[in-house]
Amino acid sequence: MTPAELRARILARLYAIRARDCESGRGDGWINRAEIVAEFGAQAEFALSVLEEIGHVASRKYQVRISGHGCIAHESQDKE
């Protein structure tokens, strides 16, 4: 998997988490970054840092979630 594919998969996962949480009313999309790293492997830490730097992922302490910019980027990928 290329770094770009990994970033896209992580964004898709974070998008699904935030959408699920909002629909259920039981959260707002935050997930422990260790869960993402466990799911996608050690390379996910670098991918998350890049996504944070470009504003597609928001972070607070040890939690991350897709940002509004990340949602728009993810939705734009679906149309390609």
C-alpha atoms as a PDB file:
ATOM      1  CA  MET A   1       0.000   0.000   0.000  1.00  0.00           C
ATOM      2  CA  THR A   2       1.368   3.407  -0.916  1.00  0.00           C
ATOM      3  CA  PRO A   3       1.474   6.250   1.629  1.00  0.00           C
ATOM      4  CA  ALA A   4      -1.331   8.023  -0.284  1.00  0.00           C
ATOM      5  CA  GLU A   5      -3.502   4.886  -0.175  1.00  0.00           C
ATOM      6  CA  LEU A   6      -2.869   4.522   3.557  1.00  0.00           C
ATOM      7  CA  ARG A   7      -3.849   8.151   4.192  1.00  0.00           C
ATOM      8  CA  ALA A   8      -7.019   7.662   2.129  1.00  0.00           C
ATOM      9  CA  ARG A   9      -7.929   4.491   4.060  1.00  0.00           C
ATOM     10  CA  ILE A  10      -7.335   6.190   7.403  1.00  0.00           C
ATOM     11  CA  LEU A  11      -9.499   9.143   6.327  1.00  0.00           C
ATOM     12  CA  ALA A  12     -12.237   6.746   5.223  1.00  0.00           C
ATOM     13  CA  ARG A  13     -12.113   4.967   8.594  1.00  0.00           C
ATOM     14  CA  LEU A  14     -12.218   8.236  10.555  1.00  0.00           C
ATOM     15  CA  TYR A  15     -15.068   9.490   8.356  1.00  0.00           C
ATOM     16  CA  ALA A  16     -17.079   6.341   9.090  1.00  0.00           C
ATOM     17  CA  ILE A  17     -16.430   6.654  12.832  1.00  0.00           C
ATOM     18  CA  ARG A  18     -17.532  10.299  12.928  1.00  0.00           C
ATOM     19  CA  ALA A  19     -20.631   9.635  10.798  1.00  0.00           C
ATOM     20  CA  ARG A  20     -21.606   6.659  12.983  1.00  0.00           C
ATOM     21  CA  ASP A  21     -21.120   8.620  16.188  1.00  0.00           C
ATOM     22  CA  CYS A  22     -23.151  11.577  14.925  1.00  0.00           C
ATOM     23  CA  GLU A  23     -25.975   9.344  13.685  1.00  0.00           C
ATOM     24  CA  SER A  24     -26.160   7.467  16.973  1.00  0.00           C
ATOM     25  CA  GLY A  25     -25.813  10.572  19.130  1.00  0.00           C
ATOM     26  CA  ARG A  26     -23.240   8.753  21.253  1.00  0.00           C
ATOM     27  CA  GLY A  27     -20.111  10.663  20.351  1.00  0.00           C
ATOM     28  CA  ASP A  28     -18.473  13.066  17.993  1.00  0.00           C
ATOM     29  CA  GLY A  29     -15.945  10.949  16.133  1.00  0.00           C
ATOM     30  CA  TRP A  30     -12.966  10.984  18.487  1.00  0.00           C
ATOM     31  CA  ILE A  31     -10.943   7.768  18.676  1.00  0.00           C
ATOM     32  CA  ASN A  32      -7.716   6.897  20.436  1.00  0.00           C
ATOM     33  CA  ARG A  33      -4.889   7.225  17.908  1.00  0.00           C
ATOM     34  CA  ALA A  34      -3.443   3.926  19.206  1.00  0.00           C
ATOM     35  CA  GLU A  35      -6.524   2.148  17.827  1.00  0.00           C
ATOM     36  CA  ILE A  36      -5.827   3.548  14.355  1.00  0.00           C
ATOM     37  CA  VAL A  37      -2.171   2.545  14.591  1.00  0.00           C
ATOM     38  CA  ALA A  38      -3.180  -0.947  15.762  1.00  0.00           C
ATOM     39  CA  GLU A  39      -5.623  -1.264  12.853  1.00  0.00           C
ATOM     40  CA  PHE A  40      -3.356   0.078  10.095  1.00  0.00           C
ATOM     41  CA  GLY A  41       0.145  -0.655  11.387  1.00  0.00           C
ATOM     42  CA  ALA A  42       3.112   1.407  12.479  1.00  0.00           C
ATOM     43  CA  GLN A  43       3.085   3.439   9.241  1.00  0.00           C
ATOM     44  CA  ALA A  44      -0.237   4.911  10.381  1.00  0.00           C
ATOM     45  CA  GLU A  45       1.549   7.128  12.889  1.00  0.00           C
ATOM     46  CA  PHE A  46       3.386   8.932  10.081  1.00  0.00           C
ATOM     47  CA  ALA A  47       0.233   9.054   7.948  1.00  0.00           C
ATOM     48  CA  LEU A  48      -1.723  10.576  10.835  1.00  0.00           C
ATOM     49  CA  SER A  49       0.962  13.199  11.400  1.00  0.00           C
ATOM     50  CA  VAL A  50       0.790  14.221   7.732  1.00  0.00           C
ATOM     51  CA  LEU A  51      -3.023  14.314   7.810  1.00  0.00           C
ATOM     52  CA  GLU A  52      -2.860  16.490  10.940  1.00  0.00           C
ATOM     53  CA  GLU A  53      -0.339  18.835   9.349  1.00  0.00           C
ATOM     54  CA  ILE A  54      -2.537  19.437   6.283  1.00  0.00           C
ATOM     55  CA  GLY A  55      -5.649  19.875   8.418  1.00  0.00           C
ATOM     56  CA  HIS A  56      -7.530  16.709   7.478  1.00  0.00           C
ATOM     57  CA  VAL A  57      -7.311  15.257  10.985  1.00  0.00           C
ATOM     58  CA  ALA A  58      -7.825  17.048  14.295  1.00  0.00           C
ATOM     59  CA  SER A  59      -6.108  15.831  17.443  1.00  0.00           C
ATOM     60  CA  ARG A  60      -6.369  16.392  21.153  1.00  0.00           C
ATOM     61  CA  LYS A  61      -3.904  14.618  23.400  1.00  0.00           C
ATOM     62  CA  TYR A  62      -4.150  10.948  22.367  1.00  0.00           C
ATOM     63  CA  GLN A  63      -7.356  11.195  20.350  1.00  0.00           C
ATOM     64  CA  VAL A  64      -7.940  11.960  16.680  1.00  0.00           C
ATOM     65  CA  ARG A  65     -10.910  12.540  14.423  1.00  0.00           C
ATOM     66  CA  ILE A  66     -11.488  13.589  10.858  1.00  0.00           C
ATOM     67  CA  SER A  67     -11.826  17.358  10.472  1.00  0.00           C
ATOM     68  CA  GLY A  68     -14.276  19.224   8.282  1.00  0.00           C
ATOM     69  CA  HIS A  69     -11.530  19.628   5.682  1.00  0.00           C
ATOM     70  CA  GLY A  70     -10.857  15.900   5.900  1.00  0.00           C
ATOM     71  CA  CYS A  71     -14.545  15.111   5.364  1.00  0.00           C
ATOM     72  CA  ILE A  72     -14.614  17.257   2.223  1.00  0.00           C
ATOM     73  CA  ALA A  73     -11.398  15.661   0.940  1.00  0.00           C
ATOM     74  CA  HIS A  74     -12.776  12.173   1.587  1.00  0.00           C
ATOM     75  CA  GLU A  75     -16.090  12.952  -0.118  1.00  0.00           C
ATOM     76  CA  SER A  76     -14.218  14.399  -3.107  1.00  0.00           C
ATOM     77  CA  GLN A  77     -12.247  11.137  -3.476  1.00  0.00           C
ATOM     78  CA  ASP A  78     -15.514   9.187  -3.704  1.00  0.00           C
ATOM     79  CA  LYS A  79     -16.438  11.112  -6.871  1.00  0.00           C
ATOM     80  CA  GLU A  80     -13.207  10.311  -8.724  1.00  0.00           C
END
